[in-house]
Every structure is written in C-alpha cells, then in structure tokens.
Amino acid sequence: MSNLDPAPDELVCAGDEGRDGGPRLLDFRDVPLGGPRAMPVRRSLPQRAQSFIGAWCFLDHYGPDDVSKSGGMKVAGHPHTGLQTVSWLFAGEIEHRDTTGVHALVRPGEINLMTAGSGIAHSEFSTPQTSVLHGVQLWVALPDEHRFTAPAFEHYAPPVVDHDGVRVLVFLGALLGQRSPVKTFSALLGAELTLPPGRSLQLDLEPGFEHGVLVDTGGATVGGVSAKPGQLVYLSPGATRMEVRASDDEQTRILLLGGEPLGEEIVMWWNFIGRSHDEVVQFREDWQRERSDQAAATAGRYGPFPTQWRETIPAPILPNTRLKPRS
C-alpha cells in the first residue's frame, strides 16, 4: 500500500521511545487513502510517541469499508525501498501486481509479504467482487545490512489453530507452538487472535522483543490498559508474560505484533525508507525518471512496469528544508 499523503513529513525514527515502564495506550489518526471519495485508514505507526515496534514501522488499519460508497482500494503503481510490506485482510480481496512479475491476490487469513529491498513498485486494487474491505497494511524496516537485498514476494496461508477456545493464526514468527516459514530479516512476530466475549488469554512473551496489541473488533484489556478498535497497546522489552482480556459483550479480534528493537536510525518519507535525506532524494529522482521513461531499454531501480499498468503515482514534492532529527 502507498502512503498517499500529498505532503508527507520526512521523519527520522530512532526507535528509542518508551523503552521502560508498563503498557502504554497509543491512539491513531485518521488518514484518507487519496481522492475525494477516499477510503479512510487509521494510522497507528509511526507517531511521535512511538516510531517502531521491533522493526514494524508503519501500521494502517482500515474498514469494515463499504466499497460501494468509498470506491475501495485503488492504488496505482508506486515505489518502495528499504522495507517489507505485509498485507493482511479480515474481509474482501485485493489484486497485487509488482515489477518482479508477480500477480497475486490478497485474501483474508493469508499473508502477502513483499520485500522492496533495493527497489520495487507495485499496485493494489480491490477486486470487483469485493463489497466490504477490512484489513491492515504494515511495513517492516529492513536492517542496514539487508536493506539493498533483491526484491521478492512470498505468500502464506497459516493454519487456523484453536487454543482453549481462542482462534489463532500465526503469519510471522512463532507463537503457541505455531511457526511461520515466511522470511524476514530481523526477528519478528505477527499473529491474529480472536477471543470469545469475556475470555482471558495468558501468553508467554519473548523478553527481548517489543510488543504491540492492535484491537480490530470488540475491545481488549492488556496488562490493565483498555483499548478499543484501532488503538494499540505497547509493551517495552523485558515483559515475559501478557494477559489479554476480551470485552464481556462481544467477540474481540486483535493483532499481536512483536520484534527485537531495530537499534538503527531510519529516514522515512512517502514510500521510501533510507538512511539520509540525500538517499531519499535519490530514490525519488529515480522513481520520477523511470515512470516518465517506461520504454527505456534497461530497467532501472524499480524494475520493468507491468504492461497492465495504465498509470503510476507521482512522488510528492520534497520539503524545502533538509530534515532535522526529532527528539
């Protein structure tokens, strides 16, 4: 998914926020996903209170969205560098195309992970048969030693496991005896858990990880902190156990995210992750040149564009001043 903000901030994320204390509640901000009939998303990461959860650095939560009113997801070809994108749906279907030649569908309960590495471009459109669209889009920052890896794509449908009445799907990392085979470049955890009304669940945690619990439906109390849909509860490294309690009156679905602290400073702007302002400027220039010269004999940083693409998204204008790290 693209960040369609027409004037995105250029952010230096150092990942050193909130590394002590108990669970903290992180709210979201509403962001339109482009256009006058835009599909709204709730953006939980990044924010000033928290840039990362492990290497997770971007989290958009959307839906349930009535496609007949919003038009659904219509994101033309756009670039990425230095990250992996994770697409996870609760309802609906999205068609994915990218410049490695992959054409795939995103369906509920199945992870599509795209590695941008040195550079990739992709498009995402909700399919005609989709009436309701509901899911999350997440980014993972690649560690410095792997951020120029070759672009790639993986698909995985994790088994649905019943754990004492809790429905569990582990799409990245390991939890409750389940392990995902999907390749990441840092230690990560990603799982969907659905709890019956009033149910409590005790989970053993990896103490070296940061963790985040995103509430999708219902309501959850995590370590004494209550959250409603779209809100995120953050737990700093050191926690070895976590209790999640579902609201008494309805089923609760959450995403559990985790990972080893990245321990690196990154620069995020639009759909690029780099390590300096100048690097991001170059990524932008490469994209603008390649989208205007698709007939070039040699593919550039982002690869050959699919013949099905009729349009691509231009990069926004960069800020007039060089970025300043924020404290």
C-alpha atoms as a PDB file:
ATOM      1  CA  MET A   1       0.000   0.000   0.000  1.00  0.00           C
ATOM      2  CA  SER A   2       1.142   3.508  -0.725  1.00  0.00           C
ATOM      3  CA  ASN A   3       1.299   6.403   1.673  1.00  0.00           C
ATOM      4  CA  LEU A   4      -0.869   8.779  -0.388  1.00  0.00           C
ATOM      5  CA  ASP A   5      -0.313  11.836   1.806  1.00  0.00           C
ATOM      6  CA  PRO A   6       0.293  14.688  -0.719  1.00  0.00           C
ATOM      7  CA  ALA A   7       2.722  16.388   1.683  1.00  0.00           C
ATOM      8  CA  PRO A   8       4.286  13.630   3.796  1.00  0.00           C
ATOM      9  CA  ASP A   9       6.576  14.511   6.654  1.00  0.00           C
ATOM     10  CA  GLU A  10      10.164  13.405   6.420  1.00  0.00           C
ATOM     11  CA  LEU A  11      10.814  11.558   9.666  1.00  0.00           C
ATOM     12  CA  VAL A  12      13.921  10.371  11.398  1.00  0.00           C
ATOM     13  CA  CYS A  13      12.929   7.371  13.516  1.00  0.00           C
ATOM     14  CA  ALA A  14      15.422   6.248  16.129  1.00  0.00           C
ATOM     15  CA  GLY A  15      13.327   3.680  17.966  1.00  0.00           C
ATOM     16  CA  ASP A  16      14.290   4.766  21.472  1.00  0.00           C
ATOM     17  CA  GLU A  17      10.869   5.899  22.697  1.00  0.00           C
ATOM     18  CA  GLY A  18       9.129   4.303  25.659  1.00  0.00           C
ATOM     19  CA  ARG A  19      11.610   1.562  26.430  1.00  0.00           C
ATOM     20  CA  ASP A  20      10.649   1.412  30.110  1.00  0.00           C
ATOM     21  CA  GLY A  21       7.516   1.388  32.210  1.00  0.00           C
ATOM     22  CA  GLY A  22       4.307  -0.596  31.845  1.00  0.00           C
ATOM     23  CA  PRO A  23       1.906  -0.974  28.921  1.00  0.00           C
ATOM     24  CA  ARG A  24       1.015   2.279  27.132  1.00  0.00           C
ATOM     25  CA  LEU A  25      -2.017   3.113  25.022  1.00  0.00           C
ATOM     26  CA  LEU A  26      -1.265   4.547  21.574  1.00  0.00           C
ATOM     27  CA  ASP A  27      -4.110   6.176  19.678  1.00  0.00           C
ATOM     28  CA  PHE A  28      -4.433   6.519  15.899  1.00  0.00           C
ATOM     29  CA  ARG A  29      -5.033   9.335  13.460  1.00  0.00           C
ATOM     30  CA  ASP A  30      -7.477   9.214  10.568  1.00  0.00           C
ATOM     31  CA  VAL A  31      -5.886   9.446   7.117  1.00  0.00           C
ATOM     32  CA  PRO A  32      -7.749   9.451   3.751  1.00  0.00           C
ATOM     33  CA  LEU A  33      -6.268   6.984   1.271  1.00  0.00           C
ATOM     34  CA  GLY A  34      -6.343   9.510  -1.579  1.00  0.00           C
ATOM     35  CA  GLY A  35      -9.099  11.230  -3.583  1.00  0.00           C
ATOM     36  CA  PRO A  36     -12.404  12.906  -2.673  1.00  0.00           C
ATOM     37  CA  ARG A  37     -14.144   9.539  -2.051  1.00  0.00           C
ATOM     38  CA  ALA A  38     -11.124   8.190  -0.233  1.00  0.00           C
ATOM     39  CA  MET A  39     -11.195   5.056   1.832  1.00  0.00           C
ATOM     40  CA  PRO A  40     -10.221   6.197   5.345  1.00  0.00           C
ATOM     41  CA  VAL A  41      -7.498   4.420   7.295  1.00  0.00           C
ATOM     42  CA  ARG A  42      -6.482   4.599  10.945  1.00  0.00           C
ATOM     43  CA  ARG A  43      -2.711   5.110  11.198  1.00  0.00           C
ATOM     44  CA  SER A  44      -1.166   3.828  14.438  1.00  0.00           C
ATOM     45  CA  LEU A  45       2.516   3.847  13.406  1.00  0.00           C
ATOM     46  CA  PRO A  46       4.622   5.905  13.126  1.00  0.00           C
ATOM     47  CA  GLN A  47       3.686   8.569  15.660  1.00  0.00           C
ATOM     48  CA  ARG A  48       5.582  10.911  17.917  1.00  0.00           C
ATOM     49  CA  ALA A  49       5.037   8.697  20.949  1.00  0.00           C
ATOM     50  CA  GLN A  50       6.324   5.596  19.141  1.00  0.00           C
ATOM     51  CA  SER A  51       8.187   5.070  15.874  1.00  0.00           C
ATOM     52  CA  PHE A  52       8.751   1.308  15.999  1.00  0.00           C
ATOM     53  CA  ILE A  53       7.595  -1.956  17.495  1.00  0.00           C
ATOM     54  CA  GLY A  54      10.655  -4.055  16.770  1.00  0.00           C
ATOM     55  CA  ALA A  55      11.229  -3.383  13.067  1.00  0.00           C
ATOM     56  CA  TRP A  56       7.500  -2.725  12.475  1.00  0.00           C
ATOM     57  CA  CYS A  57       7.454   0.932  11.434  1.00  0.00           C
ATOM     58  CA  PHE A  58       4.105   1.603   9.705  1.00  0.00           C
ATOM     59  CA  LEU A  59       0.600   0.392  10.525  1.00  0.00           C
ATOM     60  CA  ASP A  60      -2.610   1.312   8.695  1.00  0.00           C
ATOM     61  CA  HIS A  61      -5.885  -0.251   9.883  1.00  0.00           C
ATOM     62  CA  TYR A  62      -8.942   0.102   7.649  1.00  0.00           C
ATOM     63  CA  GLY A  63     -12.565  -0.992   7.436  1.00  0.00           C
ATOM     64  CA  PRO A  64     -15.003  -2.519   7.529  1.00  0.00           C
ATOM     65  CA  ASP A  65     -15.319  -0.281   4.464  1.00  0.00           C
ATOM     66  CA  ASP A  66     -18.380  -0.243   2.189  1.00  0.00           C
ATOM     67  CA  VAL A  67     -16.735  -0.310  -1.235  1.00  0.00           C
ATOM     68  CA  SER A  68     -19.934   0.939  -2.931  1.00  0.00           C
ATOM     69  CA  LYS A  69     -19.518   4.231  -1.047  1.00  0.00           C
ATOM     70  CA  SER A  70     -15.745   4.691  -0.896  1.00  0.00           C
ATOM     71  CA  GLY A  71     -14.713   3.041  -4.145  1.00  0.00           C
ATOM     72  CA  GLY A  72     -12.479   0.642  -2.240  1.00  0.00           C
ATOM     73  CA  MET A  73      -8.744   0.424  -2.686  1.00  0.00           C
ATOM     74  CA  LYS A  74      -7.418   1.991  -5.880  1.00  0.00           C
ATOM     75  CA  VAL A  75      -3.673   2.390  -5.543  1.00  0.00           C
ATOM     76  CA  ALA A  76      -1.849   2.619  -8.887  1.00  0.00           C
ATOM     77  CA  GLY A  77       1.804   1.683  -9.381  1.00  0.00           C
ATOM     78  CA  HIS A  78       4.081   3.217  -6.759  1.00  0.00           C
ATOM     79  CA  PRO A  79       7.585   2.518  -5.414  1.00  0.00           C
ATOM     80  CA  HIS A  80       9.131   1.263  -2.178  1.00  0.00           C
ATOM     81  CA  THR A  81      12.707   0.925  -0.895  1.00  0.00           C
ATOM     82  CA  GLY A  82      14.337  -0.443   2.230  1.00  0.00           C
ATOM     83  CA  LEU A  83      11.321  -2.266   3.669  1.00  0.00           C
ATOM     84  CA  GLN A  84       8.955  -5.219   3.561  1.00  0.00           C
ATOM     85  CA  THR A  85       5.199  -4.713   3.191  1.00  0.00           C
ATOM     86  CA  VAL A  86       2.782  -7.059   4.964  1.00  0.00           C
ATOM     87  CA  SER A  87      -0.799  -7.242   3.672  1.00  0.00           C
ATOM     88  CA  TRP A  88      -3.351  -8.932   5.967  1.00  0.00           C
ATOM     89  CA  LEU A  89      -7.097  -8.938   5.340  1.00  0.00           C
ATOM     90  CA  PHE A  90     -10.134  -9.718   7.502  1.00  0.00           C
ATOM     91  CA  ALA A  91     -12.632  -9.256   4.633  1.00  0.00           C
ATOM     92  CA  GLY A  92     -12.500  -8.555   0.909  1.00  0.00           C
ATOM     93  CA  GLU A  93      -9.927  -9.240  -1.778  1.00  0.00           C
ATOM     94  CA  ILE A  94      -7.092  -7.168  -3.296  1.00  0.00           C
ATOM     95  CA  GLU A  95      -5.257  -7.691  -6.572  1.00  0.00           C
ATOM     96  CA  HIS A  96      -1.486  -7.161  -6.393  1.00  0.00           C
ATOM     97  CA  ARG A  97       0.937  -6.641  -9.289  1.00  0.00           C
ATOM     98  CA  ASP A  98       4.615  -5.747  -8.988  1.00  0.00           C
ATOM     99  CA  THR A  99       7.723  -5.146 -11.033  1.00  0.00           C
ATOM    100  CA  THR A 100       9.202  -8.578 -10.296  1.00  0.00           C
ATOM    101  CA  GLY A 101       6.362 -10.008 -12.417  1.00  0.00           C
ATOM    102  CA  VAL A 102       4.232 -11.229  -9.506  1.00  0.00           C
ATOM    103  CA  HIS A 103       0.449 -11.128  -9.916  1.00  0.00           C
ATOM    104  CA  ALA A 104      -1.328 -12.280  -6.751  1.00  0.00           C
ATOM    105  CA  LEU A 105      -4.496 -11.920  -4.722  1.00  0.00           C
ATOM    106  CA  VAL A 106      -4.623 -10.874  -1.079  1.00  0.00           C
ATOM    107  CA  ARG A 107      -7.340 -12.816   0.763  1.00  0.00           C
ATOM    108  CA  PRO A 108      -8.486 -12.972   4.404  1.00  0.00           C
ATOM    109  CA  GLY A 109      -6.245 -15.035   6.663  1.00  0.00           C
ATOM    110  CA  GLU A 110      -3.385 -15.200   4.130  1.00  0.00           C
ATOM    111  CA  ILE A 111      -0.230 -13.097   4.296  1.00  0.00           C
ATOM    112  CA  ASN A 112       1.302 -11.465   1.257  1.00  0.00           C
ATOM    113  CA  LEU A 113       4.789 -10.211   2.109  1.00  0.00           C
ATOM    114  CA  MET A 114       6.641  -8.089  -0.432  1.00  0.00           C
ATOM    115  CA  THR A 115      10.324  -7.322   0.042  1.00  0.00           C
ATOM    116  CA  ALA A 116      11.223  -3.990  -1.542  1.00  0.00           C
ATOM    117  CA  GLY A 117      14.931  -4.118  -0.734  1.00  0.00           C
ATOM    118  CA  SER A 118      16.853  -2.100  -3.323  1.00  0.00           C
ATOM    119  CA  GLY A 119      13.621  -1.072  -5.025  1.00  0.00           C
ATOM    120  CA  ILE A 120      10.261  -2.371  -6.241  1.00  0.00           C
ATOM    121  CA  ALA A 121       6.967  -0.918  -7.470  1.00  0.00           C
ATOM    122  CA  HIS A 122       3.510  -2.428  -7.083  1.00  0.00           C
ATOM    123  CA  SER A 123      -0.196  -1.686  -7.457  1.00  0.00           C
ATOM    124  CA  GLU A 124      -3.173  -2.689  -5.295  1.00  0.00           C
ATOM    125  CA  PHE A 125      -6.830  -2.671  -6.321  1.00  0.00           C
ATOM    126  CA  SER A 126      -9.801  -4.211  -4.539  1.00  0.00           C
ATOM    127  CA  THR A 127     -11.421  -6.766  -6.844  1.00  0.00           C
ATOM    128  CA  PRO A 128     -14.864  -6.239  -8.442  1.00  0.00           C
ATOM    129  CA  GLN A 129     -16.470  -8.917  -6.262  1.00  0.00           C
ATOM    130  CA  THR A 130     -15.381  -7.158  -3.063  1.00  0.00           C
ATOM    131  CA  SER A 131     -18.246  -5.430  -1.258  1.00  0.00           C
ATOM    132  CA  VAL A 132     -16.538  -4.894   2.115  1.00  0.00           C
ATOM    133  CA  LEU A 133     -12.825  -4.257   2.611  1.00  0.00           C
ATOM    134  CA  HIS A 134     -11.281  -4.707   6.049  1.00  0.00           C
ATOM    135  CA  GLY A 135      -7.666  -5.266   6.987  1.00  0.00           C
ATOM    136  CA  VAL A 136      -4.253  -3.899   7.865  1.00  0.00           C
ATOM    137  CA  GLN A 137      -1.208  -2.835   5.921  1.00  0.00           C
ATOM    138  CA  LEU A 138       2.124  -2.908   7.722  1.00  0.00           C
ATOM    139  CA  TRP A 139       5.717  -2.070   6.887  1.00  0.00           C
ATOM    140  CA  VAL A 140       8.863  -3.617   8.315  1.00  0.00           C
ATOM    141  CA  ALA A 141      12.110  -1.620   8.132  1.00  0.00           C
ATOM    142  CA  LEU A 142      14.981  -3.691   6.773  1.00  0.00           C
ATOM    143  CA  PRO A 143      18.200  -3.645   8.839  1.00  0.00           C
ATOM    144  CA  ASP A 144      21.061  -1.739   7.259  1.00  0.00           C
ATOM    145  CA  GLU A 145      22.939  -4.878   6.220  1.00  0.00           C
ATOM    146  CA  HIS A 146      19.912  -6.198   4.279  1.00  0.00           C
ATOM    147  CA  ARG A 147      18.175  -3.068   3.012  1.00  0.00           C
ATOM    148  CA  PHE A 148      19.520  -3.410  -0.551  1.00  0.00           C
ATOM    149  CA  THR A 149      18.554  -7.074  -0.861  1.00  0.00           C
ATOM    150  CA  ALA A 150      16.868  -8.157  -4.090  1.00  0.00           C
ATOM    151  CA  PRO A 151      13.089  -7.556  -4.260  1.00  0.00           C
ATOM    152  CA  ALA A 152      10.907 -10.599  -3.633  1.00  0.00           C
ATOM    153  CA  PHE A 153       7.382 -11.774  -2.805  1.00  0.00           C
ATOM    154  CA  GLU A 154       6.018 -14.510  -0.512  1.00  0.00           C
ATOM    155  CA  HIS A 155       2.513 -15.843   0.149  1.00  0.00           C
ATOM    156  CA  TYR A 156       1.491 -17.999   3.103  1.00  0.00           C
ATOM    157  CA  ALA A 157      -1.844 -19.256   4.455  1.00  0.00           C
ATOM    158  CA  PRO A 158      -1.264 -20.132   8.130  1.00  0.00           C
ATOM    159  CA  PRO A 159      -3.346 -22.904   9.675  1.00  0.00           C
ATOM    160  CA  VAL A 160      -6.206 -21.866  11.942  1.00  0.00           C
ATOM    161  CA  VAL A 161      -5.467 -23.215  15.423  1.00  0.00           C
ATOM    162  CA  ASP A 162      -7.826 -23.421  18.386  1.00  0.00           C
ATOM    163  CA  HIS A 163      -6.086 -22.616  21.665  1.00  0.00           C
ATOM    164  CA  ASP A 164      -8.534 -23.107  24.548  1.00  0.00           C
ATOM    165  CA  GLY A 165     -11.312 -21.533  22.502  1.00  0.00           C
ATOM    166  CA  VAL A 166      -9.144 -18.743  21.057  1.00  0.00           C
ATOM    167  CA  ARG A 167      -8.751 -18.718  17.276  1.00  0.00           C
ATOM    168  CA  VAL A 168      -5.072 -18.217  16.372  1.00  0.00           C
ATOM    169  CA  LEU A 169      -3.283 -17.583  13.050  1.00  0.00           C
ATOM    170  CA  VAL A 170       0.480 -17.010  13.172  1.00  0.00           C
ATOM    171  CA  PHE A 171       1.625 -15.304   9.977  1.00  0.00           C
ATOM    172  CA  LEU A 172       5.159 -14.252  11.045  1.00  0.00           C
ATOM    173  CA  GLY A 173       7.485 -15.697  13.640  1.00  0.00           C
ATOM    174  CA  ALA A 174       6.360 -18.168  16.302  1.00  0.00           C
ATOM    175  CA  LEU A 175       3.609 -18.306  18.940  1.00  0.00           C
ATOM    176  CA  LEU A 176       1.754 -21.049  20.832  1.00  0.00           C
ATOM    177  CA  GLY A 177       3.607 -23.841  19.050  1.00  0.00           C
ATOM    178  CA  GLN A 178       2.986 -22.436  15.558  1.00  0.00           C
ATOM    179  CA  ARG A 179       5.772 -21.094  13.330  1.00  0.00           C
ATOM    180  CA  SER A 180       5.558 -19.224  10.037  1.00  0.00           C
ATOM    181  CA  PRO A 181       8.031 -20.120   7.258  1.00  0.00           C
ATOM    182  CA  VAL A 182       7.914 -16.598   5.777  1.00  0.00           C
ATOM    183  CA  LYS A 183      11.366 -14.995   5.583  1.00  0.00           C
ATOM    184  CA  THR A 184      12.130 -11.816   7.493  1.00  0.00           C
ATOM    185  CA  PHE A 185      15.451 -10.053   8.043  1.00  0.00           C
ATOM    186  CA  SER A 186      15.013  -9.432  11.763  1.00  0.00           C
ATOM    187  CA  ALA A 187      13.249 -11.380  14.500  1.00  0.00           C
ATOM    188  CA  LEU A 188       9.509 -10.627  14.257  1.00  0.00           C
ATOM    189  CA  LEU A 189       6.117 -11.822  15.439  1.00  0.00           C
ATOM    190  CA  GLY A 190       2.757 -11.337  13.732  1.00  0.00           C
ATOM    191  CA  ALA A 191      -0.432 -13.164  14.755  1.00  0.00           C
ATOM    192  CA  GLU A 192      -4.208 -12.759  14.629  1.00  0.00           C
ATOM    193  CA  LEU A 193      -6.119 -13.871  17.725  1.00  0.00           C
ATOM    194  CA  THR A 194      -9.904 -13.955  18.163  1.00  0.00           C
ATOM    195  CA  LEU A 195     -11.247 -14.266  21.709  1.00  0.00           C
ATOM    196  CA  PRO A 196     -14.840 -15.107  22.726  1.00  0.00           C
ATOM    197  CA  PRO A 197     -16.617 -12.491  24.891  1.00  0.00           C
ATOM    198  CA  GLY A 198     -15.115 -12.218  28.360  1.00  0.00           C
ATOM    199  CA  ARG A 199     -12.282 -14.662  27.639  1.00  0.00           C
ATOM    200  CA  SER A 200      -8.818 -14.070  29.136  1.00  0.00           C
ATOM    201  CA  LEU A 201      -5.672 -15.372  27.483  1.00  0.00           C
ATOM    202  CA  GLN A 202      -2.228 -15.665  29.054  1.00  0.00           C
ATOM    203  CA  LEU A 203       0.675 -15.511  26.613  1.00  0.00           C
ATOM    204  CA  ASP A 204       4.371 -16.094  27.185  1.00  0.00           C
ATOM    205  CA  LEU A 205       6.413 -13.355  25.523  1.00  0.00           C
ATOM    206  CA  GLU A 206       9.938 -13.182  24.179  1.00  0.00           C
ATOM    207  CA  PRO A 207      11.553 -10.783  26.707  1.00  0.00           C
ATOM    208  CA  GLY A 208      13.930  -9.310  24.124  1.00  0.00           C
ATOM    209  CA  PHE A 209      11.001  -8.138  21.968  1.00  0.00           C
ATOM    210  CA  GLU A 210       8.916  -5.021  21.942  1.00  0.00           C
ATOM    211  CA  HIS A 211       5.230  -5.925  21.525  1.00  0.00           C
ATOM    212  CA  GLY A 212       2.089  -4.210  20.354  1.00  0.00           C
ATOM    213  CA  VAL A 213      -1.545  -5.306  20.528  1.00  0.00           C
ATOM    214  CA  LEU A 214      -3.834  -3.744  17.915  1.00  0.00           C
ATOM    215  CA  VAL A 215      -7.561  -4.094  18.572  1.00  0.00           C
ATOM    216  CA  ASP A 216      -9.528  -4.791  15.386  1.00  0.00           C
ATOM    217  CA  THR A 217     -13.006  -5.583  16.720  1.00  0.00           C
ATOM    218  CA  GLY A 218     -14.542  -5.622  20.175  1.00  0.00           C
ATOM    219  CA  GLY A 219     -12.370  -4.359  22.995  1.00  0.00           C
ATOM    220  CA  ALA A 220      -9.373  -5.650  24.899  1.00  0.00           C
ATOM    221  CA  THR A 221      -7.609  -5.035  28.181  1.00  0.00           C
ATOM    222  CA  VAL A 222      -3.872  -5.697  28.015  1.00  0.00           C
ATOM    223  CA  GLY A 223      -1.916  -5.573  31.248  1.00  0.00           C
ATOM    224  CA  GLY A 224      -4.609  -3.390  32.780  1.00  0.00           C
ATOM    225  CA  VAL A 225      -4.768  -0.989  29.801  1.00  0.00           C
ATOM    226  CA  SER A 226      -8.067  -0.965  27.898  1.00  0.00           C
ATOM    227  CA  ALA A 227      -8.185  -0.389  24.142  1.00  0.00           C
ATOM    228  CA  LYS A 228     -10.915  -0.082  21.546  1.00  0.00           C
ATOM    229  CA  PRO A 229     -10.790  -0.730  17.773  1.00  0.00           C
ATOM    230  CA  GLY A 230      -7.877   0.995  16.083  1.00  0.00           C
ATOM    231  CA  GLN A 231      -5.960   1.580  19.294  1.00  0.00           C
ATOM    232  CA  LEU A 232      -2.618  -0.024  20.028  1.00  0.00           C
ATOM    233  CA  VAL A 233      -1.199  -1.139  23.379  1.00  0.00           C
ATOM    234  CA  TYR A 234       2.610  -1.025  23.502  1.00  0.00           C
ATOM    235  CA  LEU A 235       4.791  -3.197  25.775  1.00  0.00           C
ATOM    236  CA  SER A 236       8.500  -2.453  26.086  1.00  0.00           C
ATOM    237  CA  PRO A 237      11.219  -5.149  26.127  1.00  0.00           C
ATOM    238  CA  GLY A 238      11.531  -7.150  29.315  1.00  0.00           C
ATOM    239  CA  ALA A 239       7.947  -8.391  29.555  1.00  0.00           C
ATOM    240  CA  THR A 240       7.819 -12.187  29.807  1.00  0.00           C
ATOM    241  CA  ARG A 241       4.055 -12.663  30.079  1.00  0.00           C
ATOM    242  CA  MET A 242       0.950 -10.824  28.948  1.00  0.00           C
ATOM    243  CA  GLU A 243      -2.739 -11.182  29.779  1.00  0.00           C
ATOM    244  CA  VAL A 244      -5.335 -10.169  27.200  1.00  0.00           C
ATOM    245  CA  ARG A 245      -8.978  -9.991  28.252  1.00  0.00           C
ATOM    246  CA  ALA A 246     -11.789  -9.591  25.722  1.00  0.00           C
ATOM    247  CA  SER A 247     -14.754  -7.314  26.332  1.00  0.00           C
ATOM    248  CA  ASP A 248     -17.675  -9.018  28.047  1.00  0.00           C
ATOM    249  CA  ASP A 249     -20.324  -8.267  25.438  1.00  0.00           C
ATOM    250  CA  GLU A 250     -18.714  -9.163  22.094  1.00  0.00           C
ATOM    251  CA  GLN A 251     -16.058 -11.197  20.358  1.00  0.00           C
ATOM    252  CA  THR A 252     -12.667  -9.476  20.235  1.00  0.00           C
ATOM    253  CA  ARG A 253     -10.107  -9.771  17.449  1.00  0.00           C
ATOM    254  CA  ILE A 254      -6.564  -8.479  17.910  1.00  0.00           C
ATOM    255  CA  LEU A 255      -3.261  -8.455  16.073  1.00  0.00           C
ATOM    256  CA  LEU A 256      -0.202  -9.228  18.184  1.00  0.00           C
ATOM    257  CA  LEU A 257       2.980  -7.715  16.759  1.00  0.00           C
ATOM    258  CA  GLY A 258       6.479  -8.031  18.139  1.00  0.00           C
ATOM    259  CA  GLY A 259      10.132  -7.911  17.329  1.00  0.00           C
ATOM    260  CA  GLU A 260      13.650  -7.246  18.501  1.00  0.00           C
ATOM    261  CA  PRO A 261      14.308  -3.492  18.718  1.00  0.00           C
ATOM    262  CA  LEU A 262      15.789  -2.392  15.398  1.00  0.00           C
ATOM    263  CA  GLY A 263      18.509  -0.335  17.073  1.00  0.00           C
ATOM    264  CA  GLU A 264      19.034   1.817  13.969  1.00  0.00           C
ATOM    265  CA  GLU A 265      18.031   5.276  12.824  1.00  0.00           C
ATOM    266  CA  ILE A 266      16.000   5.375   9.615  1.00  0.00           C
ATOM    267  CA  VAL A 267      14.625   8.133   7.410  1.00  0.00           C
ATOM    268  CA  MET A 268      11.023   7.646   6.255  1.00  0.00           C
ATOM    269  CA  TRP A 269       9.445   9.791   3.565  1.00  0.00           C
ATOM    270  CA  TRP A 270       6.460   8.888   1.397  1.00  0.00           C
ATOM    271  CA  ASN A 271       7.052   5.230   0.409  1.00  0.00           C
ATOM    272  CA  PHE A 272      10.800   5.213   0.896  1.00  0.00           C
ATOM    273  CA  ILE A 273      12.971   4.163   3.806  1.00  0.00           C
ATOM    274  CA  GLY A 274      16.592   5.243   3.681  1.00  0.00           C
ATOM    275  CA  ARG A 275      19.338   6.377   5.988  1.00  0.00           C
ATOM    276  CA  SER A 276      19.772  10.014   4.916  1.00  0.00           C
ATOM    277  CA  HIS A 277      17.930  12.894   3.295  1.00  0.00           C
ATOM    278  CA  ASP A 278      20.157  12.678   0.217  1.00  0.00           C
ATOM    279  CA  GLU A 279      19.437   8.980  -0.198  1.00  0.00           C
ATOM    280  CA  VAL A 280      15.683   9.610  -0.135  1.00  0.00           C
ATOM    281  CA  VAL A 281      16.129  12.406  -2.681  1.00  0.00           C
ATOM    282  CA  GLN A 282      17.865   9.915  -4.992  1.00  0.00           C
ATOM    283  CA  PHE A 283      15.120   7.294  -4.540  1.00  0.00           C
ATOM    284  CA  ARG A 284      12.557   9.935  -5.511  1.00  0.00           C
ATOM    285  CA  GLU A 285      14.528  11.108  -8.550  1.00  0.00           C
ATOM    286  CA  ASP A 286      14.943   7.528  -9.766  1.00  0.00           C
ATOM    287  CA  TRP A 287      11.194   6.929  -9.488  1.00  0.00           C
ATOM    288  CA  GLN A 288      10.232  10.118 -11.294  1.00  0.00           C
ATOM    289  CA  ARG A 289      12.660   9.374 -14.116  1.00  0.00           C
ATOM    290  CA  GLU A 290      11.580   5.751 -14.525  1.00  0.00           C
ATOM    291  CA  ARG A 291       7.840   6.490 -14.518  1.00  0.00           C
ATOM    292  CA  SER A 292       8.354   9.076 -17.260  1.00  0.00           C
ATOM    293  CA  ASP A 293      10.530   6.768 -19.377  1.00  0.00           C
ATOM    294  CA  GLN A 294       8.845   3.374 -19.223  1.00  0.00           C
ATOM    295  CA  ALA A 295      10.086   2.491 -22.697  1.00  0.00           C
ATOM    296  CA  ALA A 296      13.744   2.567 -21.604  1.00  0.00           C
ATOM    297  CA  ALA A 297      15.729  -0.416 -22.898  1.00  0.00           C
ATOM    298  CA  THR A 298      17.154  -1.189 -19.461  1.00  0.00           C
ATOM    299  CA  ALA A 299      15.002  -1.414 -16.351  1.00  0.00           C
ATOM    300  CA  GLY A 300      16.029   0.914 -13.549  1.00  0.00           C
ATOM    301  CA  ARG A 301      15.959   0.651  -9.776  1.00  0.00           C
ATOM    302  CA  TYR A 302      12.256  -0.268  -9.628  1.00  0.00           C
ATOM    303  CA  GLY A 303      12.172  -2.860 -12.405  1.00  0.00           C
ATOM    304  CA  PRO A 304      10.054  -3.214 -15.569  1.00  0.00           C
ATOM    305  CA  PHE A 305       6.499  -1.929 -15.185  1.00  0.00           C
ATOM    306  CA  PRO A 306       3.680  -4.447 -15.813  1.00  0.00           C
ATOM    307  CA  THR A 307       2.011  -3.964 -19.186  1.00  0.00           C
ATOM    308  CA  GLN A 308      -1.363  -3.796 -17.398  1.00  0.00           C
ATOM    309  CA  TRP A 309      -0.451  -0.530 -15.689  1.00  0.00           C
ATOM    310  CA  ARG A 310      -2.122   2.488 -17.247  1.00  0.00           C
ATOM    311  CA  GLU A 311      -0.912   4.940 -14.618  1.00  0.00           C
ATOM    312  CA  THR A 312       1.580   5.323 -11.816  1.00  0.00           C
ATOM    313  CA  ILE A 313       1.616   7.647  -8.823  1.00  0.00           C
ATOM    314  CA  PRO A 314       3.964  10.644  -8.991  1.00  0.00           C
ATOM    315  CA  ALA A 315       6.114  11.292  -5.943  1.00  0.00           C
ATOM    316  CA  PRO A 316       5.121  14.333  -3.868  1.00  0.00           C
ATOM    317  CA  ILE A 317       7.354  17.378  -3.692  1.00  0.00           C
ATOM    318  CA  LEU A 318      10.071  17.083  -1.071  1.00  0.00           C
ATOM    319  CA  PRO A 319      10.144  19.592   1.807  1.00  0.00           C
ATOM    320  CA  ASN A 320      12.064  22.809   1.104  1.00  0.00           C
ATOM    321  CA  THR A 321      14.376  22.198   4.032  1.00  0.00           C
ATOM    322  CA  ARG A 322      16.602  19.269   4.884  1.00  0.00           C
ATOM    323  CA  LEU A 323      15.243  17.016   7.560  1.00  0.00           C
ATOM    324  CA  LYS A 324      16.088  17.613  11.199  1.00  0.00           C
ATOM    325  CA  PRO A 325      16.125  14.644  13.558  1.00  0.00           C
ATOM    326  CA  ARG A 326      13.370  14.876  16.121  1.00  0.00           C
ATOM    327  CA  SER A 327      13.927  14.109  19.766  1.00  0.00           C
END
